[in-house]
Every structure is written in structure tokens, then in C-alpha cells.
Amino acid sequence: MEMIEITLPWPPTVNSYWRNFNGRTIISAKGREYRKAVADQVLIQRAAKHIDYAVKVEIQAFRPDRRRRDLDNLLKALLDSMTHAGVMHDDALIEDLRVYWAEEVGGMVKVTIEGME
């Protein structure tokens, strides 16, 4: 099975990704901008593979600066945007997920996706 490596922009927090509008929860303007940025990078890096099998995902997070952040805040916007961009059919296909901080600052995430055997 193939392995995909893709570098993506730093995702917005869960708190800024969603907005309530007329009693409905929608993706915020910031969230829509992030989705577009991810879709652009997926096209540029040729990562739209439409994966439809179980995968293992590793995410190396390069903070934008040295401030304290919650690592789990990265996941929703990032995984939803990758799904929306066609990397995989559904993020429910992820059976093994590892997320960790990089030592360096950089304001980006490096994602590796491997098929499960």
C-alpha cells in the first residue's frame, strides 16, 4: 500500500472552526479559508488519493510560536479538511492515529498516511 506525506498549514482551533448561525452550526469563514488552503495544498502536492481503506495517520505539529497549546485542538479542522479535499473518503477510516509536537517552530503540520495491512 502506498504512503502519502503532505505538509499543510496550521489549522484553526476547534473554537474558531465552527459558528452558530440561525440555530445551526456551520463552518466559520476562518474554517472555510482553511479548507480551501488545504485543498490547494492537496492539489499542489498531488495527495488527493480518495483512500477508502483503513489507515494509520501520523501528524507532526510545528507550532506557530512557543505558546502553550492543546495538541488535540488540531485534529477536527485538519482531518475534516483533508477529507473534504479528497485525501480520503472519510476520517472514520483512521484506525491508528499519532499526534505529536515537533521540536521546531514552523506553523504547519506534516501528515503521513499509510494503509493498514
PDB file of N, CA and C in Angstrom:
ATOM      1  N   MET A   1       0.841  -1.188   0.000  1.00  0.00           N
ATOM      2  CA  MET A   1       0.000   0.000   0.000  1.00  0.00           C
ATOM      3  C   MET A   1       0.882   1.245   0.000  1.00  0.00           C
ATOM      4  N   GLU A   2       0.393   2.268  -0.661  1.00  0.00           N
ATOM      5  CA  GLU A   2       1.198   3.477  -0.766  1.00  0.00           C
ATOM      6  C   GLU A   2       1.176   4.305   0.514  1.00  0.00           C
ATOM      7  N   MET A   3       2.191   5.142   0.643  1.00  0.00           N
ATOM      8  CA  MET A   3       2.279   6.055   1.769  1.00  0.00           C
ATOM      9  C   MET A   3       2.178   7.472   1.211  1.00  0.00           C
ATOM     10  N   ILE A   4       1.420   8.318   1.891  1.00  0.00           N
ATOM     11  CA  ILE A   4       1.259   9.716   1.495  1.00  0.00           C
ATOM     12  C   ILE A   4       1.905  10.582   2.556  1.00  0.00           C
ATOM     13  N   GLU A   5       2.706  11.538   2.129  1.00  0.00           N
ATOM     14  CA  GLU A   5       3.268  12.539   3.030  1.00  0.00           C
ATOM     15  C   GLU A   5       2.856  13.901   2.486  1.00  0.00           C
ATOM     16  N   ILE A   6       2.285  14.700   3.351  1.00  0.00           N
ATOM     17  CA  ILE A   6       1.802  16.012   2.922  1.00  0.00           C
ATOM     18  C   ILE A   6       2.053  17.038   4.030  1.00  0.00           C
ATOM     19  N   THR A   7       2.454  18.227   3.628  1.00  0.00           N
ATOM     20  CA  THR A   7       2.666  19.339   4.554  1.00  0.00           C
ATOM     21  C   THR A   7       1.513  20.316   4.368  1.00  0.00           C
ATOM     22  N   LEU A   8       0.858  20.656   5.474  1.00  0.00           N
ATOM     23  CA  LEU A   8      -0.326  21.503   5.416  1.00  0.00           C
ATOM     24  C   LEU A   8      -0.187  22.691   6.368  1.00  0.00           C
ATOM     25  N   PRO A   9      -0.967  23.744   6.116  1.00  0.00           N
ATOM     26  CA  PRO A   9      -0.913  24.909   7.009  1.00  0.00           C
ATOM     27  C   PRO A   9      -1.445  24.579   8.401  1.00  0.00           C
ATOM     28  N   TRP A  10      -1.091  25.421   9.341  1.00  0.00           N
ATOM     29  CA  TRP A  10      -1.532  25.278  10.724  1.00  0.00           C
ATOM     30  C   TRP A  10      -3.054  25.433  10.782  1.00  0.00           C
ATOM     31  N   PRO A  11      -3.772  24.476  11.379  1.00  0.00           N
ATOM     32  CA  PRO A  11      -5.241  24.551  11.408  1.00  0.00           C
ATOM     33  C   PRO A  11      -5.774  25.521  12.458  1.00  0.00           C
ATOM     34  N   PRO A  12      -6.977  26.043  12.210  1.00  0.00           N
ATOM     35  CA  PRO A  12      -7.623  26.867  13.236  1.00  0.00           C
ATOM     36  C   PRO A  12      -8.067  25.984  14.402  1.00  0.00           C
ATOM     37  N   THR A  13      -8.256  26.573  15.560  1.00  0.00           N
ATOM     38  CA  THR A  13      -8.710  25.803  16.716  1.00  0.00           C
ATOM     39  C   THR A  13     -10.160  25.385  16.517  1.00  0.00           C
ATOM     40  N   VAL A  14     -10.572  24.390  17.252  1.00  0.00           N
ATOM     41  CA  VAL A  14     -11.965  23.938  17.202  1.00  0.00           C
ATOM     42  C   VAL A  14     -12.897  25.102  17.539  1.00  0.00           C
ATOM     43  N   ASN A  15     -12.483  25.937  18.491  1.00  0.00           N
ATOM     44  CA  ASN A  15     -13.313  27.070  18.915  1.00  0.00           C
ATOM     45  C   ASN A  15     -13.554  28.087  17.799  1.00  0.00           C
ATOM     46  N   SER A  16     -12.626  28.213  16.863  1.00  0.00           N
ATOM     47  CA  SER A  16     -12.818  29.183  15.779  1.00  0.00           C
ATOM     48  C   SER A  16     -13.259  28.520  14.469  1.00  0.00           C
ATOM     49  N   TYR A  17     -13.351  27.206  14.442  1.00  0.00           N
ATOM     50  CA  TYR A  17     -13.717  26.474  13.220  1.00  0.00           C
ATOM     51  C   TYR A  17     -15.229  26.479  12.986  1.00  0.00           C
ATOM     52  N   TRP A  18     -16.008  26.462  14.054  1.00  0.00           N
ATOM     53  CA  TRP A  18     -17.469  26.394  13.961  1.00  0.00           C
ATOM     54  C   TRP A  18     -18.097  27.709  14.398  1.00  0.00           C
ATOM     55  N   ARG A  19     -19.275  28.011  13.855  1.00  0.00           N
ATOM     56  CA  ARG A  19     -20.070  29.162  14.260  1.00  0.00           C
ATOM     57  C   ARG A  19     -21.538  28.739  14.279  1.00  0.00           C
ATOM     58  N   ASN A  20     -22.300  29.354  15.163  1.00  0.00           N
ATOM     59  CA  ASN A  20     -23.751  29.139  15.176  1.00  0.00           C
ATOM     60  C   ASN A  20     -24.404  30.254  14.384  1.00  0.00           C
ATOM     61  N   PHE A  21     -25.318  29.870  13.496  1.00  0.00           N
ATOM     62  CA  PHE A  21     -25.997  30.837  12.641  1.00  0.00           C
ATOM     63  C   PHE A  21     -27.451  30.397  12.508  1.00  0.00           C
ATOM     64  N   ASN A  22     -28.383  31.232  12.955  1.00  0.00           N
ATOM     65  CA  ASN A  22     -29.811  30.915  12.900  1.00  0.00           C
ATOM     66  C   ASN A  22     -30.124  29.535  13.480  1.00  0.00           C
ATOM     67  N   GLY A  23     -29.494  29.214  14.602  1.00  0.00           N
ATOM     68  CA  GLY A  23     -29.759  27.938  15.260  1.00  0.00           C
ATOM     69  C   GLY A  23     -29.061  26.738  14.646  1.00  0.00           C
ATOM     70  N   ARG A  24     -28.247  26.959  13.641  1.00  0.00           N
ATOM     71  CA  ARG A  24     -27.497  25.869  13.001  1.00  0.00           C
ATOM     72  C   ARG A  24     -26.012  26.068  13.253  1.00  0.00           C
ATOM     73  N   THR A  25     -25.279  24.975  13.306  1.00  0.00           N
ATOM     74  CA  THR A  25     -23.831  25.054  13.450  1.00  0.00           C
ATOM     75  C   THR A  25     -23.227  24.914  12.054  1.00  0.00           C
ATOM     76  N   ILE A  26     -22.425  25.900  11.677  1.00  0.00           N
ATOM     77  CA  ILE A  26     -21.799  25.906  10.351  1.00  0.00           C
ATOM     78  C   ILE A  26     -20.291  26.124  10.501  1.00  0.00           C
ATOM     79  N   ILE A  27     -19.570  25.854   9.439  1.00  0.00           N
ATOM     80  CA  ILE A  27     -18.128  26.125   9.427  1.00  0.00           C
ATOM     81  C   ILE A  27     -17.935  27.634   9.264  1.00  0.00           C
ATOM     82  N   SER A  28     -17.086  28.204  10.103  1.00  0.00           N
ATOM     83  CA  SER A  28     -16.843  29.653  10.095  1.00  0.00           C
ATOM     84  C   SER A  28     -16.093  30.078   8.833  1.00  0.00           C
ATOM     85  N   ALA A  29     -16.008  31.386   8.620  1.00  0.00           N
ATOM     86  CA  ALA A  29     -15.238  31.923   7.486  1.00  0.00           C
ATOM     87  C   ALA A  29     -13.786  31.467   7.596  1.00  0.00           C
ATOM     88  N   LYS A  30     -13.245  31.510   8.809  1.00  0.00           N
ATOM     89  CA  LYS A  30     -11.866  31.059   9.035  1.00  0.00           C
ATOM     90  C   LYS A  30     -11.732  29.565   8.683  1.00  0.00           C
ATOM     91  N   GLY A  31     -12.735  28.787   9.038  1.00  0.00           N
ATOM     92  CA  GLY A  31     -12.747  27.358   8.719  1.00  0.00           C
ATOM     93  C   GLY A  31     -12.821  27.108   7.224  1.00  0.00           C
ATOM     94  N   ARG A  32     -13.643  27.880   6.538  1.00  0.00           N
ATOM     95  CA  ARG A  32     -13.755  27.725   5.072  1.00  0.00           C
ATOM     96  C   ARG A  32     -12.448  28.127   4.377  1.00  0.00           C
ATOM     97  N   GLU A  33     -11.797  29.178   4.884  1.00  0.00           N
ATOM     98  CA  GLU A  33     -10.498  29.589   4.327  1.00  0.00           C
ATOM     99  C   GLU A  33      -9.471  28.473   4.514  1.00  0.00           C
ATOM    100  N   TYR A  34      -9.495  27.847   5.692  1.00  0.00           N
ATOM    101  CA  TYR A  34      -8.552  26.755   5.949  1.00  0.00           C
ATOM    102  C   TYR A  34      -8.824  25.578   5.017  1.00  0.00           C
ATOM    103  N   ARG A  35     -10.095  25.224   4.848  1.00  0.00           N
ATOM    104  CA  ARG A  35     -10.445  24.130   3.926  1.00  0.00           C
ATOM    105  C   ARG A  35      -9.887  24.391   2.533  1.00  0.00           C
ATOM    106  N   LYS A  36     -10.028  25.640   2.062  1.00  0.00           N
ATOM    107  CA  LYS A  36      -9.522  25.988   0.732  1.00  0.00           C
ATOM    108  C   LYS A  36      -8.000  25.886   0.688  1.00  0.00           C
ATOM    109  N   ALA A  37      -7.328  26.359   1.734  1.00  0.00           N
ATOM    110  CA  ALA A  37      -5.859  26.283   1.776  1.00  0.00           C
ATOM    111  C   ALA A  37      -5.404  24.826   1.741  1.00  0.00           C
ATOM    112  N   VAL A  38      -6.102  23.950   2.465  1.00  0.00           N
ATOM    113  CA  VAL A  38      -5.757  22.523   2.454  1.00  0.00           C
ATOM    114  C   VAL A  38      -6.019  21.941   1.071  1.00  0.00           C
ATOM    115  N   ALA A  39      -7.160  22.256   0.485  1.00  0.00           N
ATOM    116  CA  ALA A  39      -7.479  21.746  -0.858  1.00  0.00           C
ATOM    117  C   ALA A  39      -6.423  22.175  -1.873  1.00  0.00           C
ATOM    118  N   ASP A  40      -5.968  23.430  -1.770  1.00  0.00           N
ATOM    119  CA  ASP A  40      -4.920  23.923  -2.674  1.00  0.00           C
ATOM    120  C   ASP A  40      -3.632  23.115  -2.497  1.00  0.00           C
ATOM    121  N   GLN A  41      -3.237  22.874  -1.247  1.00  0.00           N
ATOM    122  CA  GLN A  41      -2.009  22.115  -0.987  1.00  0.00           C
ATOM    123  C   GLN A  41      -2.139  20.659  -1.430  1.00  0.00           C
ATOM    124  N   VAL A  42      -3.308  20.082  -1.245  1.00  0.00           N
ATOM    125  CA  VAL A  42      -3.542  18.699  -1.681  1.00  0.00           C
ATOM    126  C   VAL A  42      -3.362  18.610  -3.196  1.00  0.00           C
ATOM    127  N   LEU A  43      -3.874  19.604  -3.921  1.00  0.00           N
ATOM    128  CA  LEU A  43      -3.692  19.627  -5.384  1.00  0.00           C
ATOM    129  C   LEU A  43      -2.215  19.798  -5.751  1.00  0.00           C
ATOM    130  N   ILE A  44      -1.572  20.781  -5.144  1.00  0.00           N
ATOM    131  CA  ILE A  44      -0.161  21.068  -5.442  1.00  0.00           C
ATOM    132  C   ILE A  44       0.722  19.854  -5.149  1.00  0.00           C
ATOM    133  N   GLN A  45       0.460  19.191  -4.016  1.00  0.00           N
ATOM    134  CA  GLN A  45       1.294  18.064  -3.594  1.00  0.00           C
ATOM    135  C   GLN A  45       0.773  16.713  -4.107  1.00  0.00           C
ATOM    136  N   ARG A  46      -0.260  16.769  -4.939  1.00  0.00           N
ATOM    137  CA  ARG A  46      -0.842  15.563  -5.563  1.00  0.00           C
ATOM    138  C   ARG A  46      -1.206  14.494  -4.530  1.00  0.00           C
ATOM    139  N   ALA A  47      -1.924  14.910  -3.491  1.00  0.00           N
ATOM    140  CA  ALA A  47      -2.257  13.999  -2.399  1.00  0.00           C
ATOM    141  C   ALA A  47      -3.724  13.565  -2.407  1.00  0.00           C
ATOM    142  N   ALA A  48      -4.487  13.957  -3.414  1.00  0.00           N
ATOM    143  CA  ALA A  48      -5.899  13.552  -3.483  1.00  0.00           C
ATOM    144  C   ALA A  48      -5.954  12.103  -3.959  1.00  0.00           C
ATOM    145  N   LYS A  49      -5.994  11.186  -3.037  1.00  0.00           N
ATOM    146  CA  LYS A  49      -5.943   9.752  -3.359  1.00  0.00           C
ATOM    147  C   LYS A  49      -7.281   9.054  -3.150  1.00  0.00           C
ATOM    148  N   HIS A  50      -8.251   9.738  -2.543  1.00  0.00           N
ATOM    149  CA  HIS A  50      -9.579   9.166  -2.292  1.00  0.00           C
ATOM    150  C   HIS A  50      -9.481   7.796  -1.624  1.00  0.00           C
ATOM    151  N   ILE A  51      -8.675   7.726  -0.594  1.00  0.00           N
ATOM    152  CA  ILE A  51      -8.439   6.479   0.140  1.00  0.00           C
ATOM    153  C   ILE A  51      -9.764   5.958   0.701  1.00  0.00           C
ATOM    154  N   ASP A  52      -9.987   4.655   0.513  1.00  0.00           N
ATOM    155  CA  ASP A  52     -11.226   4.056   1.015  1.00  0.00           C
ATOM    156  C   ASP A  52     -10.947   2.781   1.812  1.00  0.00           C
ATOM    157  N   TYR A  53      -9.780   2.732   2.458  1.00  0.00           N
ATOM    158  CA  TYR A  53      -9.395   1.584   3.278  1.00  0.00           C
ATOM    159  C   TYR A  53      -8.816   2.089   4.602  1.00  0.00           C
ATOM    160  N   ALA A  54      -8.687   1.189   5.560  1.00  0.00           N
ATOM    161  CA  ALA A  54      -8.185   1.549   6.888  1.00  0.00           C
ATOM    162  C   ALA A  54      -6.761   2.107   6.799  1.00  0.00           C
ATOM    163  N   VAL A  55      -6.495   3.166   7.554  1.00  0.00           N
ATOM    164  CA  VAL A  55      -5.184   3.811   7.519  1.00  0.00           C
ATOM    165  C   VAL A  55      -4.649   4.100   8.912  1.00  0.00           C
ATOM    166  N   LYS A  56      -3.333   4.301   8.920  1.00  0.00           N
ATOM    167  CA  LYS A  56      -2.606   4.775  10.096  1.00  0.00           C
ATOM    168  C   LYS A  56      -2.138   6.185   9.742  1.00  0.00           C
ATOM    169  N   VAL A  57      -2.374   7.152  10.637  1.00  0.00           N
ATOM    170  CA  VAL A  57      -2.020   8.550  10.374  1.00  0.00           C
ATOM    171  C   VAL A  57      -1.090   9.049  11.468  1.00  0.00           C
ATOM    172  N   GLU A  58      -0.025   9.708  11.034  1.00  0.00           N
ATOM    173  CA  GLU A  58       0.909  10.337  11.961  1.00  0.00           C
ATOM    174  C   GLU A  58       0.953  11.821  11.626  1.00  0.00           C
ATOM    175  N   ILE A  59       0.782  12.660  12.654  1.00  0.00           N
ATOM    176  CA  ILE A  59       0.765  14.108  12.462  1.00  0.00           C
ATOM    177  C   ILE A  59       1.845  14.725  13.332  1.00  0.00           C
ATOM    178  N   GLN A  60       2.790  15.387  12.668  1.00  0.00           N
ATOM    179  CA  GLN A  60       3.851  16.106  13.373  1.00  0.00           C
ATOM    180  C   GLN A  60       3.467  17.587  13.324  1.00  0.00           C
ATOM    181  N   ALA A  61       3.249  18.174  14.495  1.00  0.00           N
ATOM    182  CA  ALA A  61       2.747  19.544  14.594  1.00  0.00           C
ATOM    183  C   ALA A  61       3.878  20.519  14.925  1.00  0.00           C
ATOM    184  N   PHE A  62       4.088  21.466  14.033  1.00  0.00           N
ATOM    185  CA  PHE A  62       5.092  22.511  14.211  1.00  0.00           C
ATOM    186  C   PHE A  62       4.365  23.781  14.652  1.00  0.00           C
ATOM    187  N   ARG A  63       4.403  24.093  15.953  1.00  0.00           N
ATOM    188  CA  ARG A  63       3.697  25.266  16.494  1.00  0.00           C
ATOM    189  C   ARG A  63       4.066  26.535  15.723  1.00  0.00           C
ATOM    190  N   PRO A  64       3.110  27.472  15.637  1.00  0.00           N
ATOM    191  CA  PRO A  64       3.445  28.761  15.013  1.00  0.00           C
ATOM    192  C   PRO A  64       4.392  29.582  15.886  1.00  0.00           C
ATOM    193  N   ASP A  65       4.343  29.354  17.204  1.00  0.00           N
ATOM    194  CA  ASP A  65       5.218  30.056  18.149  1.00  0.00           C
ATOM    195  C   ASP A  65       5.336  29.174  19.395  1.00  0.00           C
ATOM    196  N   ARG A  66       5.978  29.669  20.415  1.00  0.00           N
ATOM    197  CA  ARG A  66       6.258  28.853  21.598  1.00  0.00           C
ATOM    198  C   ARG A  66       5.135  28.856  22.656  1.00  0.00           C
ATOM    199  N   ARG A  67       4.005  29.497  22.351  1.00  0.00           N
ATOM    200  CA  ARG A  67       2.907  29.499  23.323  1.00  0.00           C
ATOM    201  C   ARG A  67       2.377  28.087  23.562  1.00  0.00           C
ATOM    202  N   ARG A  68       1.830  27.883  24.762  1.00  0.00           N
ATOM    203  CA  ARG A  68       1.215  26.593  25.095  1.00  0.00           C
ATOM    204  C   ARG A  68      -0.062  26.399  24.299  1.00  0.00           C
ATOM    205  N   ARG A  69      -0.264  25.199  23.787  1.00  0.00           N
ATOM    206  CA  ARG A  69      -1.455  24.874  23.027  1.00  0.00           C
ATOM    207  C   ARG A  69      -1.890  23.464  23.368  1.00  0.00           C
ATOM    208  N   ASP A  70      -3.159  23.165  23.116  1.00  0.00           N
ATOM    209  CA  ASP A  70      -3.673  21.807  23.279  1.00  0.00           C
ATOM    210  C   ASP A  70      -3.478  21.057  21.969  1.00  0.00           C
ATOM    211  N   LEU A  71      -2.780  19.961  22.034  1.00  0.00           N
ATOM    212  CA  LEU A  71      -2.490  19.160  20.848  1.00  0.00           C
ATOM    213  C   LEU A  71      -3.764  18.636  20.189  1.00  0.00           C
ATOM    214  N   ASP A  72      -4.754  18.263  20.985  1.00  0.00           N
ATOM    215  CA  ASP A  72      -5.984  17.703  20.423  1.00  0.00           C
ATOM    216  C   ASP A  72      -6.826  18.737  19.682  1.00  0.00           C
ATOM    217  N   ASN A  73      -6.535  20.022  19.850  1.00  0.00           N
ATOM    218  CA  ASN A  73      -7.269  21.071  19.156  1.00  0.00           C
ATOM    219  C   ASN A  73      -6.986  21.094  17.657  1.00  0.00           C
ATOM    220  N   LEU A  74      -5.943  20.432  17.220  1.00  0.00           N
ATOM    221  CA  LEU A  74      -5.555  20.428  15.808  1.00  0.00           C
ATOM    222  C   LEU A  74      -6.422  19.521  14.952  1.00  0.00           C
ATOM    223  N   LEU A  75      -6.958  18.490  15.547  1.00  0.00           N
ATOM    224  CA  LEU A  75      -7.457  17.367  14.765  1.00  0.00           C
ATOM    225  C   LEU A  75      -8.708  17.626  13.944  1.00  0.00           C
ATOM    226  N   LYS A  76      -9.745  18.201  14.498  1.00  0.00           N
ATOM    227  CA  LYS A  76     -11.029  18.296  13.801  1.00  0.00           C
ATOM    228  C   LYS A  76     -10.914  19.044  12.475  1.00  0.00           C
ATOM    229  N   ALA A  77     -10.397  20.261  12.504  1.00  0.00           N
ATOM    230  CA  ALA A  77     -10.288  21.049  11.277  1.00  0.00           C
ATOM    231  C   ALA A  77      -9.356  20.375  10.272  1.00  0.00           C
ATOM    232  N   LEU A  78      -8.244  19.842  10.761  1.00  0.00           N
ATOM    233  CA  LEU A  78      -7.262  19.205   9.876  1.00  0.00           C
ATOM    234  C   LEU A  78      -7.843  17.979   9.182  1.00  0.00           C
ATOM    235  N   LEU A  79      -8.385  17.044   9.950  1.00  0.00           N
ATOM    236  CA  LEU A  79      -8.894  15.796   9.365  1.00  0.00           C
ATOM    237  C   LEU A  79     -10.114  16.048   8.488  1.00  0.00           C
ATOM    238  N   ASP A  80     -11.025  16.915   8.910  1.00  0.00           N
ATOM    239  CA  ASP A  80     -12.190  17.237   8.078  1.00  0.00           C
ATOM    240  C   ASP A  80     -11.763  17.890   6.760  1.00  0.00           C
ATOM    241  N   SER A  81     -10.791  18.775   6.822  1.00  0.00           N
ATOM    242  CA  SER A  81     -10.328  19.463   5.609  1.00  0.00           C
ATOM    243  C   SER A  81      -9.630  18.502   4.645  1.00  0.00           C
ATOM    244  N   MET A  82      -8.864  17.565   5.192  1.00  0.00           N
ATOM    245  CA  MET A  82      -8.213  16.568   4.329  1.00  0.00           C
ATOM    246  C   MET A  82      -9.259  15.684   3.654  1.00  0.00           C
ATOM    247  N   THR A  83     -10.302  15.319   4.390  1.00  0.00           N
ATOM    248  CA  THR A  83     -11.382  14.520   3.813  1.00  0.00           C
ATOM    249  C   THR A  83     -12.089  15.320   2.722  1.00  0.00           C
ATOM    250  N   HIS A  84     -12.411  16.570   3.014  1.00  0.00           N
ATOM    251  CA  HIS A  84     -13.089  17.439   2.053  1.00  0.00           C
ATOM    252  C   HIS A  84     -12.260  17.627   0.783  1.00  0.00           C
ATOM    253  N   ALA A  85     -10.934  17.627   0.914  1.00  0.00           N
ATOM    254  CA  ALA A  85     -10.028  17.828  -0.226  1.00  0.00           C
ATOM    255  C   ALA A  85      -9.794  16.541  -1.026  1.00  0.00           C
ATOM    256  N   GLY A  86     -10.326  15.413  -0.549  1.00  0.00           N
ATOM    257  CA  GLY A  86     -10.204  14.181  -1.327  1.00  0.00           C
ATOM    258  C   GLY A  86      -9.033  13.292  -0.985  1.00  0.00           C
ATOM    259  N   VAL A  87      -8.369  13.547   0.129  1.00  0.00           N
ATOM    260  CA  VAL A  87      -7.264  12.671   0.529  1.00  0.00           C
ATOM    261  C   VAL A  87      -7.815  11.294   0.884  1.00  0.00           C
ATOM    262  N   MET A  88      -8.937  11.283   1.619  1.00  0.00           N
ATOM    263  CA  MET A  88      -9.590  10.029   1.995  1.00  0.00           C
ATOM    264  C   MET A  88     -11.101  10.246   1.948  1.00  0.00           C
ATOM    265  N   HIS A  89     -11.843   9.139   1.821  1.00  0.00           N
ATOM    266  CA  HIS A  89     -13.307   9.247   1.749  1.00  0.00           C
ATOM    267  C   HIS A  89     -13.918   9.698   3.070  1.00  0.00           C
ATOM    268  N   ASP A  90     -13.337   9.258   4.188  1.00  0.00           N
ATOM    269  CA  ASP A  90     -13.908   9.572   5.492  1.00  0.00           C
ATOM    270  C   ASP A  90     -12.813   9.425   6.536  1.00  0.00           C
ATOM    271  N   ASP A  91     -12.733  10.367   7.477  1.00  0.00           N
ATOM    272  CA  ASP A  91     -11.704  10.237   8.513  1.00  0.00           C
ATOM    273  C   ASP A  91     -12.032   9.123   9.503  1.00  0.00           C
ATOM    274  N   ALA A  92     -13.201   8.504   9.373  1.00  0.00           N
ATOM    275  CA  ALA A  92     -13.525   7.319  10.173  1.00  0.00           C
ATOM    276  C   ALA A  92     -12.670   6.113   9.745  1.00  0.00           C
ATOM    277  N   LEU A  93     -11.989   6.217   8.606  1.00  0.00           N
ATOM    278  CA  LEU A  93     -11.092   5.152   8.132  1.00  0.00           C
ATOM    279  C   LEU A  93      -9.794   5.095   8.936  1.00  0.00           C
ATOM    280  N   ILE A  94      -9.549   6.120   9.762  1.00  0.00           N
ATOM    281  CA  ILE A  94      -8.323   6.151  10.561  1.00  0.00           C
ATOM    282  C   ILE A  94      -8.487   5.198  11.741  1.00  0.00           C
ATOM    283  N   GLU A  95      -7.651   4.161  11.756  1.00  0.00           N
ATOM    284  CA  GLU A  95      -7.696   3.171  12.835  1.00  0.00           C
ATOM    285  C   GLU A  95      -6.540   3.333  13.821  1.00  0.00           C
ATOM    286  N   ASP A  96      -5.522   4.076  13.408  1.00  0.00           N
ATOM    287  CA  ASP A  96      -4.356   4.302  14.255  1.00  0.00           C
ATOM    288  C   ASP A  96      -3.936   5.753  14.035  1.00  0.00           C
ATOM    289  N   LEU A  97      -3.900   6.544  15.112  1.00  0.00           N
ATOM    290  CA  LEU A  97      -3.613   7.972  14.988  1.00  0.00           C
ATOM    291  C   LEU A  97      -2.568   8.375  16.013  1.00  0.00           C
ATOM    292  N   ARG A  98      -1.509   9.023  15.527  1.00  0.00           N
ATOM    293  CA  ARG A  98      -0.462   9.540  16.414  1.00  0.00           C
ATOM    294  C   ARG A  98      -0.273  11.018  16.103  1.00  0.00           C
ATOM    295  N   VAL A  99      -0.309  11.840  17.145  1.00  0.00           N
ATOM    296  CA  VAL A  99      -0.117  13.282  17.004  1.00  0.00           C
ATOM    297  C   VAL A  99       0.935  13.706  18.011  1.00  0.00           C
ATOM    298  N   TYR A 100       1.937  14.460  17.564  1.00  0.00           N
ATOM    299  CA  TYR A 100       2.985  14.890  18.488  1.00  0.00           C
ATOM    300  C   TYR A 100       3.579  16.221  18.047  1.00  0.00           C
ATOM    301  N   TRP A 101       4.155  16.916  19.031  1.00  0.00           N
ATOM    302  CA  TRP A 101       4.798  18.206  18.771  1.00  0.00           C
ATOM    303  C   TRP A 101       6.175  18.003  18.151  1.00  0.00           C
ATOM    304  N   ALA A 102       6.482  18.790  17.144  1.00  0.00           N
ATOM    305  CA  ALA A 102       7.839  18.857  16.603  1.00  0.00           C
ATOM    306  C   ALA A 102       8.662  19.740  17.530  1.00  0.00           C
ATOM    307  N   GLU A 103       9.948  19.544  17.538  1.00  0.00           N
ATOM    308  CA  GLU A 103      10.831  20.389  18.371  1.00  0.00           C
ATOM    309  C   GLU A 103      10.891  21.814  17.840  1.00  0.00           C
ATOM    310  N   GLU A 104      10.820  21.966  16.528  1.00  0.00           N
ATOM    311  CA  GLU A 104      10.959  23.283  15.909  1.00  0.00           C
ATOM    312  C   GLU A 104       9.612  23.992  15.814  1.00  0.00           C
ATOM    313  N   VAL A 105       9.676  25.310  15.676  1.00  0.00           N
ATOM    314  CA  VAL A 105       8.513  26.147  15.397  1.00  0.00           C
ATOM    315  C   VAL A 105       8.376  26.203  13.882  1.00  0.00           C
ATOM    316  N   GLY A 106       7.165  26.383  13.366  1.00  0.00           N
ATOM    317  CA  GLY A 106       7.024  26.459  11.915  1.00  0.00           C
ATOM    318  C   GLY A 106       5.628  26.786  11.431  1.00  0.00           C
ATOM    319  N   GLY A 107       4.614  26.637  12.274  1.00  0.00           N
ATOM    320  CA  GLY A 107       3.253  26.975  11.864  1.00  0.00           C
ATOM    321  C   GLY A 107       2.701  26.084  10.775  1.00  0.00           C
ATOM    322  N   MET A 108       2.955  24.780  10.880  1.00  0.00           N
ATOM    323  CA  MET A 108       2.473  23.839   9.868  1.00  0.00           C
ATOM    324  C   MET A 108       2.317  22.459  10.500  1.00  0.00           C
ATOM    325  N   VAL A 109       1.730  21.546   9.752  1.00  0.00           N
ATOM    326  CA  VAL A 109       1.657  20.152  10.171  1.00  0.00           C
ATOM    327  C   VAL A 109       2.160  19.276   9.027  1.00  0.00           C
ATOM    328  N   LYS A 110       2.882  18.230   9.384  1.00  0.00           N
ATOM    329  CA  LYS A 110       3.322  17.239   8.404  1.00  0.00           C
ATOM    330  C   LYS A 110       2.554  15.963   8.698  1.00  0.00           C
ATOM    331  N   VAL A 111       1.840  15.485   7.691  1.00  0.00           N
ATOM    332  CA  VAL A 111       0.957  14.335   7.856  1.00  0.00           C
ATOM    333  C   VAL A 111       1.472  13.178   7.016  1.00  0.00           C
ATOM    334  N   THR A 112       1.560  12.010   7.636  1.00  0.00           N
ATOM    335  CA  THR A 112       1.923  10.787   6.929  1.00  0.00           C
ATOM    336  C   THR A 112       0.751   9.824   7.053  1.00  0.00           C
ATOM    337  N   ILE A 113       0.334   9.277   5.935  1.00  0.00           N
ATOM    338  CA  ILE A 113      -0.793   8.342   5.907  1.00  0.00           C
ATOM    339  C   ILE A 113      -0.323   7.035   5.272  1.00  0.00           C
ATOM    340  N   GLU A 114      -0.548   5.938   5.977  1.00  0.00           N
ATOM    341  CA  GLU A 114      -0.179   4.617   5.487  1.00  0.00           C
ATOM    342  C   GLU A 114      -1.375   3.691   5.569  1.00  0.00           C
ATOM    343  N   GLY A 115      -1.515   2.827   4.575  1.00  0.00           N
ATOM    344  CA  GLY A 115      -2.567   1.831   4.617  1.00  0.00           C
ATOM    345  C   GLY A 115      -2.267   0.785   5.685  1.00  0.00           C
ATOM    346  N   MET A 116      -3.321   0.262   6.309  1.00  0.00           N
ATOM    347  CA  MET A 116      -3.168  -0.794   7.319  1.00  0.00           C
ATOM    348  C   MET A 116      -3.197  -2.129   6.590  1.00  0.00           C
ATOM    349  N   GLU A 117      -2.414  -3.068   7.083  1.00  0.00           N
ATOM    350  CA  GLU A 117      -2.392  -4.392   6.455  1.00  0.00           C
ATOM    351  C   GLU A 117      -3.373  -5.316   7.115  1.00  0.00           C
TER     352      GLU A 117
END
